[in-house]
N, C-alpha and C. Protein backbone atom coordinates (compact mmCIF):
# COMPACT_ATOMS: atom_id res chain seq x y z
N ALA A 1 -39.91 -24.48 14.78
CA ALA A 1 -39.90 -25.61 15.69
C ALA A 1 -40.17 -26.70 15.17
N TYR A 2 -41.27 -26.71 14.07
CA TYR A 2 -41.79 -28.10 13.41
C TYR A 2 -40.53 -28.78 12.79
N LYS A 3 -39.72 -28.21 12.30
CA LYS A 3 -38.24 -28.70 11.60
C LYS A 3 -37.57 -29.81 12.58
N ARG A 4 -37.53 -29.09 13.99
CA ARG A 4 -36.72 -29.92 14.90
C ARG A 4 -37.84 -31.12 15.36
N VAL A 5 -39.26 -31.06 15.50
CA VAL A 5 -40.04 -32.17 15.61
C VAL A 5 -39.89 -33.18 14.62
N GLU A 6 -39.83 -32.67 13.48
CA GLU A 6 -39.41 -33.82 12.36
C GLU A 6 -38.33 -34.58 12.51
N GLU A 7 -37.32 -33.52 12.64
CA GLU A 7 -35.86 -34.43 12.81
C GLU A 7 -35.89 -35.21 13.88
N THR A 8 -36.25 -34.76 15.32
CA THR A 8 -36.16 -35.18 16.46
C THR A 8 -37.06 -36.84 16.31
N CYS A 9 -38.32 -36.66 15.96
CA CYS A 9 -39.45 -37.87 16.07
C CYS A 9 -39.39 -38.43 14.70
N GLY A 10 -39.20 -38.11 13.66
CA GLY A 10 -39.34 -38.62 12.27
C GLY A 10 -40.61 -38.45 11.90
N VAL A 11 -41.25 -37.53 12.25
CA VAL A 11 -42.75 -37.35 11.58
C VAL A 11 -42.61 -36.35 10.56
N THR A 12 -43.56 -36.16 9.49
CA THR A 12 -43.59 -34.90 8.70
C THR A 12 -44.99 -34.22 8.90
N PHE A 13 -44.82 -33.00 8.64
CA PHE A 13 -46.00 -32.26 8.90
C PHE A 13 -46.63 -32.01 7.64
N GLY A 14 -47.84 -32.03 7.25
CA GLY A 14 -48.49 -32.12 5.80
C GLY A 14 -48.53 -30.41 5.48
N GLU A 15 -48.54 -30.49 4.14
CA GLU A 15 -48.51 -29.30 3.52
C GLU A 15 -49.41 -27.96 3.72
N PRO A 16 -50.85 -28.45 4.07
CA PRO A 16 -51.79 -27.79 4.51
C PRO A 16 -51.53 -27.14 5.84
N TYR A 17 -51.04 -27.80 6.67
CA TYR A 17 -50.53 -27.27 8.07
C TYR A 17 -49.49 -26.35 7.96
N LEU A 18 -48.61 -26.65 7.07
CA LEU A 18 -47.27 -25.61 7.02
C LEU A 18 -47.96 -24.48 6.30
N GLU A 19 -48.73 -24.45 5.25
CA GLU A 19 -49.40 -23.32 4.66
C GLU A 19 -49.95 -22.27 5.48
N ARG A 20 -50.72 -22.98 6.86
CA ARG A 20 -51.42 -22.18 7.58
C ARG A 20 -50.38 -21.61 8.40
N LEU A 21 -49.13 -22.15 8.64
CA LEU A 21 -48.11 -21.50 9.49
C LEU A 21 -47.49 -20.37 8.72
N ARG A 22 -47.44 -20.78 7.23
CA ARG A 22 -46.86 -19.49 6.79
C ARG A 22 -47.53 -18.36 6.55
N GLU A 23 -49.22 -18.55 6.42
CA GLU A 23 -49.73 -17.60 6.32
C GLU A 23 -50.20 -16.84 7.64
N GLY A 24 -49.51 -17.35 8.82
CA GLY A 24 -49.91 -16.96 10.20
C GLY A 24 -51.22 -16.90 10.54
N THR A 25 -52.00 -17.84 9.85
CA THR A 25 -53.47 -18.20 10.25
C THR A 25 -53.48 -19.08 11.53
N THR A 26 -52.49 -19.72 11.90
CA THR A 26 -52.53 -20.78 13.10
C THR A 26 -52.69 -19.99 14.42
N ILE A 27 -53.44 -20.46 15.23
CA ILE A 27 -53.39 -20.31 16.54
C ILE A 27 -53.01 -21.38 17.19
N SER A 28 -52.09 -21.53 17.94
CA SER A 28 -51.76 -22.81 18.63
C SER A 28 -52.30 -22.88 20.18
N ASP A 29 -53.89 -23.21 20.05
CA ASP A 29 -54.26 -22.94 21.33
C ASP A 29 -54.68 -24.46 21.75
N SER A 30 -54.02 -25.06 22.67
CA SER A 30 -54.35 -26.61 22.99
C SER A 30 -55.53 -26.88 23.96
N GLU A 31 -56.33 -25.71 24.32
CA GLU A 31 -57.21 -25.98 24.94
C GLU A 31 -58.44 -26.79 24.16
N PRO A 32 -59.02 -26.33 23.06
CA PRO A 32 -60.18 -27.08 22.18
C PRO A 32 -59.82 -28.44 21.95
N PRO A 33 -58.71 -28.87 21.28
CA PRO A 33 -58.11 -30.40 21.27
C PRO A 33 -58.23 -31.26 22.77
N CYS A 34 -57.90 -30.45 23.70
CA CYS A 34 -57.47 -31.24 25.24
C CYS A 34 -59.25 -31.46 25.48
N ARG A 35 -60.13 -30.54 25.34
CA ARG A 35 -61.58 -30.57 25.83
C ARG A 35 -62.21 -31.81 25.08
N ALA A 36 -61.82 -32.03 23.62
CA ALA A 36 -62.31 -32.79 22.93
C ALA A 36 -61.65 -34.34 23.24
N LEU A 37 -60.61 -34.49 23.53
CA LEU A 37 -59.90 -35.34 23.96
C LEU A 37 -60.51 -35.98 25.16
N HIS A 38 -60.52 -35.18 26.16
CA HIS A 38 -60.99 -35.70 27.73
C HIS A 38 -62.75 -36.03 27.40
N LEU A 39 -63.20 -35.20 26.46
CA LEU A 39 -64.61 -35.83 26.40
C LEU A 39 -64.75 -37.02 25.73
N ALA A 40 -63.89 -37.30 24.58
CA ALA A 40 -63.94 -38.66 23.84
C ALA A 40 -63.48 -39.80 24.95
N SER A 41 -62.65 -39.63 25.92
CA SER A 41 -62.13 -40.29 26.68
C SER A 41 -63.15 -40.99 27.77
N LEU A 42 -64.26 -40.04 28.05
CA LEU A 42 -65.27 -40.12 28.93
C LEU A 42 -66.19 -40.93 28.32
N LEU A 43 -66.56 -40.56 26.92
CA LEU A 43 -67.75 -40.91 26.35
C LEU A 43 -67.48 -42.65 25.54
N GLN A 44 -66.32 -42.61 25.02
CA GLN A 44 -66.15 -43.82 24.41
C GLN A 44 -64.41 -43.98 24.90
N PRO A 45 -64.01 -44.53 26.08
CA PRO A 45 -62.58 -44.72 26.39
C PRO A 45 -61.89 -45.62 25.52
N ALA A 46 -62.71 -46.69 24.81
CA ALA A 46 -61.94 -47.78 24.20
C ALA A 46 -61.42 -47.33 22.84
N GLU A 47 -61.87 -46.06 22.39
CA GLU A 47 -61.75 -45.56 21.02
C GLU A 47 -60.76 -44.09 21.26
N SER A 48 -60.80 -43.51 22.61
CA SER A 48 -60.01 -42.31 22.67
C SER A 48 -58.59 -42.37 22.20
N VAL A 49 -58.15 -43.31 22.21
CA VAL A 49 -56.62 -43.47 21.63
C VAL A 49 -56.68 -43.24 19.95
N GLU A 50 -57.47 -43.96 19.24
CA GLU A 50 -57.71 -43.52 18.05
C GLU A 50 -58.30 -42.36 17.53
N TYR A 51 -59.18 -41.74 18.14
CA TYR A 51 -59.90 -40.55 18.04
C TYR A 51 -58.63 -39.38 18.40
N ALA A 52 -57.57 -39.95 19.40
CA ALA A 52 -56.64 -38.87 19.17
C ALA A 52 -55.61 -38.93 18.13
N HIS A 53 -55.30 -39.94 17.65
CA HIS A 53 -54.26 -40.08 16.27
C HIS A 53 -55.27 -39.47 15.40
N GLN A 54 -56.68 -39.76 15.13
CA GLN A 54 -57.19 -39.09 14.14
C GLN A 54 -57.31 -37.40 14.25
N LEU A 55 -57.51 -37.12 15.38
CA LEU A 55 -57.30 -35.51 15.50
C LEU A 55 -55.84 -35.03 15.07
N GLN A 56 -54.98 -35.87 15.64
CA GLN A 56 -53.57 -35.19 15.05
C GLN A 56 -53.31 -35.23 13.80
N ARG A 57 -53.65 -36.23 13.06
CA ARG A 57 -53.64 -36.24 11.70
C ARG A 57 -54.45 -35.06 10.74
N ALA A 58 -55.70 -34.90 11.33
CA ALA A 58 -56.40 -33.75 10.74
C ALA A 58 -55.69 -32.48 11.10
N ILE A 59 -55.23 -32.15 12.07
CA ILE A 59 -54.53 -30.79 12.45
C ILE A 59 -53.37 -30.81 11.58
N PHE A 60 -52.33 -31.83 11.80
CA PHE A 60 -50.89 -31.72 11.81
C PHE A 60 -50.72 -32.09 10.09
N LEU A 61 -51.62 -33.05 9.81
CA LEU A 61 -51.29 -33.33 8.18
C LEU A 61 -52.16 -32.64 7.13
N ASP A 62 -53.53 -32.54 7.43
CA ASP A 62 -54.64 -32.08 6.53
C ASP A 62 -54.69 -30.41 6.90
N GLY A 63 -54.07 -29.91 8.03
CA GLY A 63 -54.25 -28.50 8.07
C GLY A 63 -55.78 -28.03 8.75
N TYR A 64 -56.44 -28.96 9.24
CA TYR A 64 -57.48 -28.65 10.02
C TYR A 64 -57.25 -27.63 11.05
N ASP A 65 -58.17 -26.69 11.48
CA ASP A 65 -58.09 -25.60 12.47
C ASP A 65 -58.32 -26.00 13.70
N TRP A 66 -57.46 -26.07 14.63
CA TRP A 66 -57.59 -26.25 16.31
C TRP A 66 -59.06 -25.90 16.52
N ASN A 67 -59.22 -24.48 16.20
CA ASN A 67 -60.34 -23.73 16.82
C ASN A 67 -61.66 -23.76 16.37
N ASP A 68 -61.72 -24.28 15.29
CA ASP A 68 -62.82 -24.83 14.51
C ASP A 68 -63.74 -25.94 15.29
N PRO A 69 -64.86 -25.77 15.55
CA PRO A 69 -65.44 -27.02 16.37
C PRO A 69 -65.74 -28.15 15.25
N GLU A 70 -65.84 -27.77 14.00
CA GLU A 70 -66.21 -28.87 12.91
C GLU A 70 -64.80 -29.76 12.99
N THR A 71 -63.74 -29.50 13.20
CA THR A 71 -62.39 -30.22 13.40
C THR A 71 -62.65 -31.69 14.25
N TYR A 72 -63.59 -31.27 15.32
CA TYR A 72 -63.93 -32.44 16.22
C TYR A 72 -64.85 -33.30 16.07
N GLU A 73 -65.63 -33.11 14.89
CA GLU A 73 -66.70 -34.09 14.57
C GLU A 73 -66.40 -35.25 14.00
């Protein structure tokens, strides 16, 4: 499905993320990032959009694990 997202949205997924997909080590659980974004919006609302942007880059470009708490630091 990532190819369709790239074609439709004009974005490119990073090789580290794609490698995790190929390995089958990625568990796409949206709960951890949801919790992190919600907390960020409560603690620093003015910076929550930038945090969301950086989080997406970390996961989808750099291949960070959604389920690793260190990803959100």
